[in-house]
Amino acid sequence: MKNNLVTTLTKNRNLIIQLTKRDILSKYKGSLLGIIWSILNPLFMLVIYTLVFGEIFQSKWGRSGTESTFVFGLILFTGMIVYNIFSEVLSRSTSIIQSNVNYVKKIIFPLEILSPILVLTALFNGLISLVILIIMSVCLGIHLSWSILLIPVVLLPLILLSTGLGWFLAAVSVFFKDANYIVTILLQVALFLSPVFYSVEIVPDYLRFIYNYNPLGILIEQMREIILWGELPNWNEWLSVTLVSLVILVAGYYFFRRLKGAFADVI
């Protein structure tokens, strides 16, 4: 197919890279420290998580309940890294078309690449946080296993899922102006229905089904397993999430293409 998903992405890969660089740099344009903020922000959040949940609330993780305050902060930080990548893409997707009206008017511009650009930008921020996480883990004496090499594998379904949902939201938000408010609420719900601030092990059995079918929650747990606990992910769960994410990716792409012809008439 002439305009299938793979062809669109490969054909415009250089444009995607250039626009991603511009998107990353524009975020810090005019600030005193510039892109250094991409390092300071996650460091600041790591300190906050450790202080609030470890010291003030004296929280313990369900896995053993014996982690130090600093390790507990790393556990929370790992969950937030995965969630923030997902959240950043979806929250920005609701305004990505409206923010690039000049591209909408250009017939030859491939609007489909806007969602992958958001994903790459979110991944850039997420990878910086992951580097900080790994460095802090080493400093705190956590033994890193070779399983850490599986980070790209665990990130793959997250990338597919975020991109697909990004296409859906980008298209819908053009015609439904309240999409931004609804997505904001849903992302908050997703935050508390995912094991970011608590372990799945402490969830009552009658509510466990929510987490068994929550792709985001599964990926958060798997990221902790491969980085902090040196374990392999559950491959059956990973495969299921990846297949579902792939379906959403393809469906989101063709849904976007189906509606994009009417964007110029609505904006």
C-alpha atoms as a PDB file:
ATOM      1  CA  MET A   1       0.000   0.000   0.000  1.00  0.00           C
ATOM      2  CA  LYS A   2       1.450   3.327  -1.086  1.00  0.00           C
ATOM      3  CA  ASN A   3       0.625   5.234   2.078  1.00  0.00           C
ATOM      4  CA  ASN A   4       0.869   2.490   4.679  1.00  0.00           C
ATOM      5  CA  LEU A   5       2.260   3.098   8.141  1.00  0.00           C
ATOM      6  CA  VAL A   6       5.768   1.725   7.603  1.00  0.00           C
ATOM      7  CA  THR A   7       6.214   3.564   4.301  1.00  0.00           C
ATOM      8  CA  THR A   8       5.085   6.863   5.828  1.00  0.00           C
ATOM      9  CA  LEU A   9       7.513   6.607   8.745  1.00  0.00           C
ATOM     10  CA  THR A  10      10.519   5.414   6.763  1.00  0.00           C
ATOM     11  CA  LYS A  11       9.984   7.884   3.932  1.00  0.00           C
ATOM     12  CA  ASN A  12       9.817  10.817   6.360  1.00  0.00           C
ATOM     13  CA  ARG A  13      12.355   9.614   8.938  1.00  0.00           C
ATOM     14  CA  ASN A  14      14.751  12.525   8.337  1.00  0.00           C
ATOM     15  CA  LEU A  15      11.943  15.052   8.691  1.00  0.00           C
ATOM     16  CA  ILE A  16      10.787  13.337  11.876  1.00  0.00           C
ATOM     17  CA  ILE A  17      14.290  13.539  13.357  1.00  0.00           C
ATOM     18  CA  GLN A  18      14.709  17.213  12.469  1.00  0.00           C
ATOM     19  CA  LEU A  19      11.299  18.217  13.846  1.00  0.00           C
ATOM     20  CA  THR A  20      11.917  16.199  17.001  1.00  0.00           C
ATOM     21  CA  LYS A  21      15.166  18.067  17.615  1.00  0.00           C
ATOM     22  CA  ARG A  22      13.357  21.350  17.104  1.00  0.00           C
ATOM     23  CA  ASP A  23      10.564  20.286  19.457  1.00  0.00           C
ATOM     24  CA  ILE A  24      13.040  19.363  22.205  1.00  0.00           C
ATOM     25  CA  LEU A  25      15.065  22.559  21.865  1.00  0.00           C
ATOM     26  CA  SER A  26      11.998  24.812  21.649  1.00  0.00           C
ATOM     27  CA  LYS A  27      10.859  23.597  25.065  1.00  0.00           C
ATOM     28  CA  TYR A  28      13.890  25.199  26.716  1.00  0.00           C
ATOM     29  CA  LYS A  29      14.398  28.086  24.320  1.00  0.00           C
ATOM     30  CA  GLY A  30      15.038  31.352  26.157  1.00  0.00           C
ATOM     31  CA  SER A  31      15.614  29.722  29.563  1.00  0.00           C
ATOM     32  CA  LEU A  32      18.830  30.432  31.440  1.00  0.00           C
ATOM     33  CA  LEU A  33      19.918  26.796  31.815  1.00  0.00           C
ATOM     34  CA  GLY A  34      18.385  25.565  28.580  1.00  0.00           C
ATOM     35  CA  ILE A  35      18.351  21.816  28.037  1.00  0.00           C
ATOM     36  CA  ILE A  36      20.039  21.283  31.420  1.00  0.00           C
ATOM     37  CA  TRP A  37      16.520  21.530  32.841  1.00  0.00           C
ATOM     38  CA  SER A  38      15.810  18.122  31.283  1.00  0.00           C
ATOM     39  CA  ILE A  39      18.297  16.731  33.809  1.00  0.00           C
ATOM     40  CA  LEU A  40      17.388  18.932  36.774  1.00  0.00           C
ATOM     41  CA  ASN A  41      13.644  18.259  36.544  1.00  0.00           C
ATOM     42  CA  PRO A  42      13.824  14.466  37.038  1.00  0.00           C
ATOM     43  CA  LEU A  43      16.472  14.901  39.746  1.00  0.00           C
ATOM     44  CA  PHE A  44      14.191  17.284  41.593  1.00  0.00           C
ATOM     45  CA  MET A  45      11.233  14.893  41.281  1.00  0.00           C
ATOM     46  CA  LEU A  46      13.351  11.994  42.557  1.00  0.00           C
ATOM     47  CA  VAL A  47      14.223  14.005  45.679  1.00  0.00           C
ATOM     48  CA  ILE A  48      10.561  14.951  46.200  1.00  0.00           C
ATOM     49  CA  TYR A  49       9.328  11.347  45.886  1.00  0.00           C
ATOM     50  CA  THR A  50      11.960  10.167  48.324  1.00  0.00           C
ATOM     51  CA  LEU A  51      11.245  12.927  50.847  1.00  0.00           C
ATOM     52  CA  VAL A  52       7.439  12.850  50.745  1.00  0.00           C
ATOM     53  CA  PHE A  53       6.747   9.135  50.486  1.00  0.00           C
ATOM     54  CA  GLY A  54       9.851   7.756  52.179  1.00  0.00           C
ATOM     55  CA  GLU A  55      10.429  10.218  55.012  1.00  0.00           C
ATOM     56  CA  ILE A  56       7.096  11.925  55.664  1.00  0.00           C
ATOM     57  CA  PHE A  57       4.669   9.063  54.963  1.00  0.00           C
ATOM     58  CA  GLN A  58       7.189   6.360  55.958  1.00  0.00           C
ATOM     59  CA  SER A  59       5.837   4.229  53.118  1.00  0.00           C
ATOM     60  CA  LYS A  60       7.122   0.741  52.373  1.00  0.00           C
ATOM     61  CA  TRP A  61       6.839  -1.304  49.214  1.00  0.00           C
ATOM     62  CA  GLY A  62       4.650  -4.385  49.200  1.00  0.00           C
ATOM     63  CA  ARG A  63       7.366  -6.645  47.808  1.00  0.00           C
ATOM     64  CA  SER A  64       9.316  -6.815  51.068  1.00  0.00           C
ATOM     65  CA  GLY A  65       8.588  -3.696  53.075  1.00  0.00           C
ATOM     66  CA  THR A  66      12.232  -3.444  54.026  1.00  0.00           C
ATOM     67  CA  GLU A  67      13.602  -1.086  51.397  1.00  0.00           C
ATOM     68  CA  SER A  68      15.471   1.983  52.536  1.00  0.00           C
ATOM     69  CA  THR A  69      13.938   5.396  52.038  1.00  0.00           C
ATOM     70  CA  PHE A  70      16.157   6.070  49.048  1.00  0.00           C
ATOM     71  CA  VAL A  71      15.394   2.764  47.331  1.00  0.00           C
ATOM     72  CA  PHE A  72      11.699   3.394  47.866  1.00  0.00           C
ATOM     73  CA  GLY A  73      12.142   6.698  46.058  1.00  0.00           C
ATOM     74  CA  LEU A  74      13.746   4.876  43.127  1.00  0.00           C
ATOM     75  CA  ILE A  75      10.814   2.459  42.958  1.00  0.00           C
ATOM     76  CA  LEU A  76       8.360   5.352  42.697  1.00  0.00           C
ATOM     77  CA  PHE A  77      10.596   7.180  40.248  1.00  0.00           C
ATOM     78  CA  THR A  78      10.671   4.150  37.938  1.00  0.00           C
ATOM     79  CA  GLY A  79       6.888   4.082  37.806  1.00  0.00           C
ATOM     80  CA  MET A  80       6.706   7.792  37.097  1.00  0.00           C
ATOM     81  CA  ILE A  81       9.175   7.524  34.207  1.00  0.00           C
ATOM     82  CA  VAL A  82       6.925   5.085  32.361  1.00  0.00           C
ATOM     83  CA  TYR A  83       3.771   7.020  33.233  1.00  0.00           C
ATOM     84  CA  ASN A  84       5.263  10.385  32.231  1.00  0.00           C
ATOM     85  CA  ILE A  85       6.217   9.147  28.763  1.00  0.00           C
ATOM     86  CA  PHE A  86       2.660   7.915  28.231  1.00  0.00           C
ATOM     87  CA  SER A  87       1.061  11.000  29.784  1.00  0.00           C
ATOM     88  CA  GLU A  88       3.192  13.521  27.884  1.00  0.00           C
ATOM     89  CA  VAL A  89       2.297  12.020  24.520  1.00  0.00           C
ATOM     90  CA  LEU A  90      -1.434  11.808  25.168  1.00  0.00           C
ATOM     91  CA  SER A  91      -1.783  15.232  26.783  1.00  0.00           C
ATOM     92  CA  ARG A  92       0.071  16.951  23.929  1.00  0.00           C
ATOM     93  CA  SER A  93      -1.764  14.975  21.256  1.00  0.00           C
ATOM     94  CA  THR A  94      -5.038  16.778  21.963  1.00  0.00           C
ATOM     95  CA  SER A  95      -3.592  20.069  20.695  1.00  0.00           C
ATOM     96  CA  ILE A  96      -0.924  18.960  18.228  1.00  0.00           C
ATOM     97  CA  ILE A  97      -3.007  19.684  15.106  1.00  0.00           C
ATOM     98  CA  GLN A  98      -4.260  23.046  16.374  1.00  0.00           C
ATOM     99  CA  SER A  99      -0.677  23.993  17.232  1.00  0.00           C
ATOM    100  CA  ASN A 100       0.479  23.290  13.695  1.00  0.00           C
ATOM    101  CA  VAL A 101      -2.223  24.896  11.576  1.00  0.00           C
ATOM    102  CA  ASN A 102       0.386  25.982   9.049  1.00  0.00           C
ATOM    103  CA  TYR A 103       1.165  22.317   8.355  1.00  0.00           C
ATOM    104  CA  VAL A 104      -2.519  21.465   7.964  1.00  0.00           C
ATOM    105  CA  LYS A 105      -2.822  23.945   5.105  1.00  0.00           C
ATOM    106  CA  LYS A 106       0.114  22.325   3.291  1.00  0.00           C
ATOM    107  CA  ILE A 107      -1.237  19.418   1.302  1.00  0.00           C
ATOM    108  CA  ILE A 108       2.169  17.817   0.861  1.00  0.00           C
ATOM    109  CA  PHE A 109       3.049  17.809   4.573  1.00  0.00           C
ATOM    110  CA  PRO A 110       2.561  14.367   6.187  1.00  0.00           C
ATOM    111  CA  LEU A 111       0.520  15.194   9.291  1.00  0.00           C
ATOM    112  CA  GLU A 112       0.855  11.576  10.404  1.00  0.00           C
ATOM    113  CA  ILE A 113       4.407  12.214  11.612  1.00  0.00           C
ATOM    114  CA  LEU A 114       3.307  14.680  14.298  1.00  0.00           C
ATOM    115  CA  SER A 115       2.358  11.909  16.728  1.00  0.00           C
ATOM    116  CA  PRO A 116       5.677  10.019  16.368  1.00  0.00           C
ATOM    117  CA  ILE A 117       7.465  13.331  16.982  1.00  0.00           C
ATOM    118  CA  LEU A 118       5.642  13.691  20.308  1.00  0.00           C
ATOM    119  CA  VAL A 119       6.625  10.144  21.216  1.00  0.00           C
ATOM    120  CA  LEU A 120      10.298  10.721  20.406  1.00  0.00           C
ATOM    121  CA  THR A 121      10.335  13.913  22.464  1.00  0.00           C
ATOM    122  CA  ALA A 122       8.754  12.107  25.418  1.00  0.00           C
ATOM    123  CA  LEU A 123      11.252   9.267  25.005  1.00  0.00           C
ATOM    124  CA  PHE A 124      14.132  11.743  25.080  1.00  0.00           C
ATOM    125  CA  ASN A 125      12.938  13.055  28.432  1.00  0.00           C
ATOM    126  CA  GLY A 126      12.241   9.549  29.661  1.00  0.00           C
ATOM    127  CA  LEU A 127      15.670   8.255  28.701  1.00  0.00           C
ATOM    128  CA  ILE A 128      17.358  11.053  30.621  1.00  0.00           C
ATOM    129  CA  SER A 129      15.330  10.042  33.665  1.00  0.00           C
ATOM    130  CA  LEU A 130      16.297   6.400  33.116  1.00  0.00           C
ATOM    131  CA  VAL A 131      19.988   7.318  33.051  1.00  0.00           C
ATOM    132  CA  ILE A 132      19.545   9.201  36.326  1.00  0.00           C
ATOM    133  CA  LEU A 133      17.680   6.207  37.763  1.00  0.00           C
ATOM    134  CA  ILE A 134      20.476   3.816  36.806  1.00  0.00           C
ATOM    135  CA  ILE A 135      23.207   6.094  38.176  1.00  0.00           C
ATOM    136  CA  MET A 136      21.368   6.561  41.468  1.00  0.00           C
ATOM    137  CA  SER A 137      20.725   2.823  41.720  1.00  0.00           C
ATOM    138  CA  VAL A 138      24.456   2.129  41.411  1.00  0.00           C
ATOM    139  CA  CYS A 139      25.242   4.828  43.979  1.00  0.00           C
ATOM    140  CA  LEU A 140      22.814   3.205  46.438  1.00  0.00           C
ATOM    141  CA  GLY A 141      24.433  -0.188  46.022  1.00  0.00           C
ATOM    142  CA  ILE A 142      21.735  -1.858  43.927  1.00  0.00           C
ATOM    143  CA  HIS A 143      23.273  -4.652  41.886  1.00  0.00           C
ATOM    144  CA  LEU A 144      22.320  -4.127  38.251  1.00  0.00           C
ATOM    145  CA  SER A 145      21.689  -7.307  36.315  1.00  0.00           C
ATOM    146  CA  TRP A 146      22.106  -7.879  32.574  1.00  0.00           C
ATOM    147  CA  SER A 147      18.303  -7.661  32.450  1.00  0.00           C
ATOM    148  CA  ILE A 148      18.765  -3.893  32.278  1.00  0.00           C
ATOM    149  CA  LEU A 149      19.575  -4.426  28.602  1.00  0.00           C
ATOM    150  CA  LEU A 150      15.900  -5.245  28.112  1.00  0.00           C
ATOM    151  CA  ILE A 151      14.825  -1.631  28.676  1.00  0.00           C
ATOM    152  CA  PRO A 152      14.235  -1.067  24.913  1.00  0.00           C
ATOM    153  CA  VAL A 153      12.174  -4.266  24.813  1.00  0.00           C
ATOM    154  CA  VAL A 154       9.890  -3.091  27.618  1.00  0.00           C
ATOM    155  CA  LEU A 155       9.659   0.366  26.066  1.00  0.00           C
ATOM    156  CA  LEU A 156       8.559  -1.041  22.683  1.00  0.00           C
ATOM    157  CA  PRO A 157       4.892  -1.707  23.557  1.00  0.00           C
ATOM    158  CA  LEU A 158       4.764   1.650  25.373  1.00  0.00           C
ATOM    159  CA  ILE A 159       5.937   3.363  22.185  1.00  0.00           C
ATOM    160  CA  LEU A 160       3.400   1.515  20.042  1.00  0.00           C
ATOM    161  CA  LEU A 161       0.553   2.199  22.473  1.00  0.00           C
ATOM    162  CA  SER A 162       1.370   5.890  22.934  1.00  0.00           C
ATOM    163  CA  THR A 163       1.744   6.510  19.198  1.00  0.00           C
ATOM    164  CA  GLY A 164      -1.525   4.782  18.333  1.00  0.00           C
ATOM    165  CA  LEU A 165      -3.536   6.556  21.023  1.00  0.00           C
ATOM    166  CA  GLY A 166      -1.808   9.796  20.029  1.00  0.00           C
ATOM    167  CA  TRP A 167      -3.164   9.480  16.492  1.00  0.00           C
ATOM    168  CA  PHE A 168      -6.657   8.792  17.816  1.00  0.00           C
ATOM    169  CA  LEU A 169      -6.637  11.796  20.137  1.00  0.00           C
ATOM    170  CA  ALA A 170      -5.044  14.137  17.611  1.00  0.00           C
ATOM    171  CA  ALA A 171      -7.811  13.408  15.119  1.00  0.00           C
ATOM    172  CA  VAL A 172     -10.720  13.441  17.579  1.00  0.00           C
ATOM    173  CA  SER A 173      -9.642  16.666  19.274  1.00  0.00           C
ATOM    174  CA  VAL A 174      -9.938  18.588  16.013  1.00  0.00           C
ATOM    175  CA  PHE A 175     -13.689  17.957  15.968  1.00  0.00           C
ATOM    176  CA  PHE A 176     -14.338  17.576  19.704  1.00  0.00           C
ATOM    177  CA  LYS A 177     -12.926  20.560  21.559  1.00  0.00           C
ATOM    178  CA  ASP A 178     -13.512  19.107  25.025  1.00  0.00           C
ATOM    179  CA  ALA A 179     -11.150  16.201  24.358  1.00  0.00           C
ATOM    180  CA  ASN A 180      -8.315  17.957  26.175  1.00  0.00           C
ATOM    181  CA  TYR A 181     -10.294  18.197  29.428  1.00  0.00           C
ATOM    182  CA  ILE A 182     -11.467  14.597  29.231  1.00  0.00           C
ATOM    183  CA  VAL A 183      -7.953  13.302  28.539  1.00  0.00           C
ATOM    184  CA  THR A 184      -6.597  15.273  31.515  1.00  0.00           C
ATOM    185  CA  ILE A 185      -9.105  13.566  33.806  1.00  0.00           C
ATOM    186  CA  LEU A 186      -8.491  10.126  32.309  1.00  0.00           C
ATOM    187  CA  LEU A 187      -4.737  10.500  32.730  1.00  0.00           C
ATOM    188  CA  GLN A 188      -5.245  11.252  36.408  1.00  0.00           C
ATOM    189  CA  VAL A 189      -7.411   8.163  36.706  1.00  0.00           C
ATOM    190  CA  ALA A 190      -4.733   6.125  34.906  1.00  0.00           C
ATOM    191  CA  LEU A 191      -2.102   7.409  37.335  1.00  0.00           C
ATOM    192  CA  PHE A 192      -3.950   6.082  40.378  1.00  0.00           C
ATOM    193  CA  LEU A 193      -5.164   2.894  38.712  1.00  0.00           C
ATOM    194  CA  SER A 194      -1.577   2.017  37.787  1.00  0.00           C
ATOM    195  CA  PRO A 195       0.951   0.762  40.361  1.00  0.00           C
ATOM    196  CA  VAL A 196       2.993   3.954  40.409  1.00  0.00           C
ATOM    197  CA  PHE A 197       2.795   4.862  44.088  1.00  0.00           C
ATOM    198  CA  TYR A 198       1.982   1.416  45.461  1.00  0.00           C
ATOM    199  CA  SER A 199       2.633  -2.241  44.743  1.00  0.00           C
ATOM    200  CA  VAL A 200       0.103  -4.485  43.022  1.00  0.00           C
ATOM    201  CA  GLU A 201       0.703  -6.969  45.840  1.00  0.00           C
ATOM    202  CA  ILE A 202      -1.264  -4.833  48.306  1.00  0.00           C
ATOM    203  CA  VAL A 203      -4.295  -4.490  46.012  1.00  0.00           C
ATOM    204  CA  PRO A 204      -7.301  -6.570  47.208  1.00  0.00           C
ATOM    205  CA  ASP A 205      -8.002  -9.655  45.125  1.00  0.00           C
ATOM    206  CA  TYR A 206     -11.411  -8.430  43.992  1.00  0.00           C
ATOM    207  CA  LEU A 207      -9.756  -5.359  42.390  1.00  0.00           C
ATOM    208  CA  ARG A 208      -6.741  -7.171  40.949  1.00  0.00           C
ATOM    209  CA  PHE A 209      -8.423  -7.587  37.557  1.00  0.00           C
ATOM    210  CA  ILE A 210      -8.001  -3.842  36.977  1.00  0.00           C
ATOM    211  CA  TYR A 211      -4.244  -4.282  37.067  1.00  0.00           C
ATOM    212  CA  ASN A 212      -4.162  -7.556  35.178  1.00  0.00           C
ATOM    213  CA  TYR A 213      -5.666  -5.809  32.146  1.00  0.00           C
ATOM    214  CA  ASN A 214      -3.900  -2.472  32.497  1.00  0.00           C
ATOM    215  CA  PRO A 215      -1.119  -2.270  29.855  1.00  0.00           C
ATOM    216  CA  LEU A 216       0.474   0.738  31.523  1.00  0.00           C
ATOM    217  CA  GLY A 217       0.553  -0.970  34.893  1.00  0.00           C
ATOM    218  CA  ILE A 218       2.094  -4.121  33.433  1.00  0.00           C
ATOM    219  CA  LEU A 219       4.872  -2.125  31.753  1.00  0.00           C
ATOM    220  CA  ILE A 220       5.575  -0.170  34.946  1.00  0.00           C
ATOM    221  CA  GLU A 221       6.002  -3.408  36.892  1.00  0.00           C
ATOM    222  CA  GLN A 222       8.206  -4.898  34.184  1.00  0.00           C
ATOM    223  CA  MET A 223      10.453  -1.840  34.132  1.00  0.00           C
ATOM    224  CA  ARG A 224      10.995  -2.221  37.871  1.00  0.00           C
ATOM    225  CA  GLU A 225      11.706  -5.909  37.465  1.00  0.00           C
ATOM    226  CA  ILE A 226      14.458  -5.511  34.879  1.00  0.00           C
ATOM    227  CA  ILE A 227      16.149  -2.461  36.444  1.00  0.00           C
ATOM    228  CA  LEU A 228      15.751  -2.641  40.207  1.00  0.00           C
ATOM    229  CA  TRP A 229      15.189  -6.330  40.880  1.00  0.00           C
ATOM    230  CA  GLY A 230      17.270  -7.920  38.143  1.00  0.00           C
ATOM    231  CA  GLU A 231      14.440 -10.141  36.945  1.00  0.00           C
ATOM    232  CA  LEU A 232      13.135 -11.012  33.520  1.00  0.00           C
ATOM    233  CA  PRO A 233       9.712  -9.686  32.550  1.00  0.00           C
ATOM    234  CA  ASN A 234       6.737 -12.002  32.241  1.00  0.00           C
ATOM    235  CA  TRP A 235       7.003 -12.744  28.520  1.00  0.00           C
ATOM    236  CA  ASN A 236       3.379 -13.822  28.166  1.00  0.00           C
ATOM    237  CA  GLU A 237       2.220 -10.495  29.594  1.00  0.00           C
ATOM    238  CA  TRP A 238       4.728  -8.604  27.463  1.00  0.00           C
ATOM    239  CA  LEU A 239       3.582 -10.359  24.287  1.00  0.00           C
ATOM    240  CA  SER A 240      -0.078  -9.701  25.071  1.00  0.00           C
ATOM    241  CA  VAL A 241       0.537  -6.006  25.724  1.00  0.00           C
ATOM    242  CA  THR A 242       2.676  -5.714  22.579  1.00  0.00           C
ATOM    243  CA  LEU A 243       0.032  -7.304  20.360  1.00  0.00           C
ATOM    244  CA  VAL A 244      -2.718  -5.102  21.779  1.00  0.00           C
ATOM    245  CA  SER A 245      -0.498  -2.028  21.367  1.00  0.00           C
ATOM    246  CA  LEU A 246       0.285  -2.991  17.771  1.00  0.00           C
ATOM    247  CA  VAL A 247      -3.424  -3.258  16.958  1.00  0.00           C
ATOM    248  CA  ILE A 248      -4.028   0.163  18.525  1.00  0.00           C
ATOM    249  CA  LEU A 249      -1.084   1.581  16.561  1.00  0.00           C
ATOM    250  CA  VAL A 250      -2.403   0.411  13.192  1.00  0.00           C
ATOM    251  CA  ALA A 251      -6.005   1.341  14.007  1.00  0.00           C
ATOM    252  CA  GLY A 252      -4.956   4.785  15.223  1.00  0.00           C
ATOM    253  CA  TYR A 253      -2.933   5.425  12.072  1.00  0.00           C
ATOM    254  CA  TYR A 254      -5.758   4.625   9.666  1.00  0.00           C
ATOM    255  CA  PHE A 255      -8.291   6.430  11.838  1.00  0.00           C
ATOM    256  CA  PHE A 256      -6.121   9.546  11.639  1.00  0.00           C
ATOM    257  CA  ARG A 257      -5.698   9.217   7.877  1.00  0.00           C
ATOM    258  CA  ARG A 258      -9.437   8.800   7.441  1.00  0.00           C
ATOM    259  CA  LEU A 259     -10.204  12.059   9.228  1.00  0.00           C
ATOM    260  CA  LYS A 260      -7.259  14.265   8.312  1.00  0.00           C
ATOM    261  CA  GLY A 261      -8.796  15.358   5.017  1.00  0.00           C
ATOM    262  CA  ALA A 262     -11.407  17.342   6.966  1.00  0.00           C
ATOM    263  CA  PHE A 263      -8.966  19.065   9.328  1.00  0.00           C
ATOM    264  CA  ALA A 264      -8.517  22.153   7.150  1.00  0.00           C
ATOM    265  CA  ASP A 265     -12.291  22.688   6.987  1.00  0.00           C
ATOM    266  CA  VAL A 266     -12.712  22.612  10.763  1.00  0.00           C
ATOM    267  CA  ILE A 267      -9.647  24.514  11.999  1.00  0.00           C
END
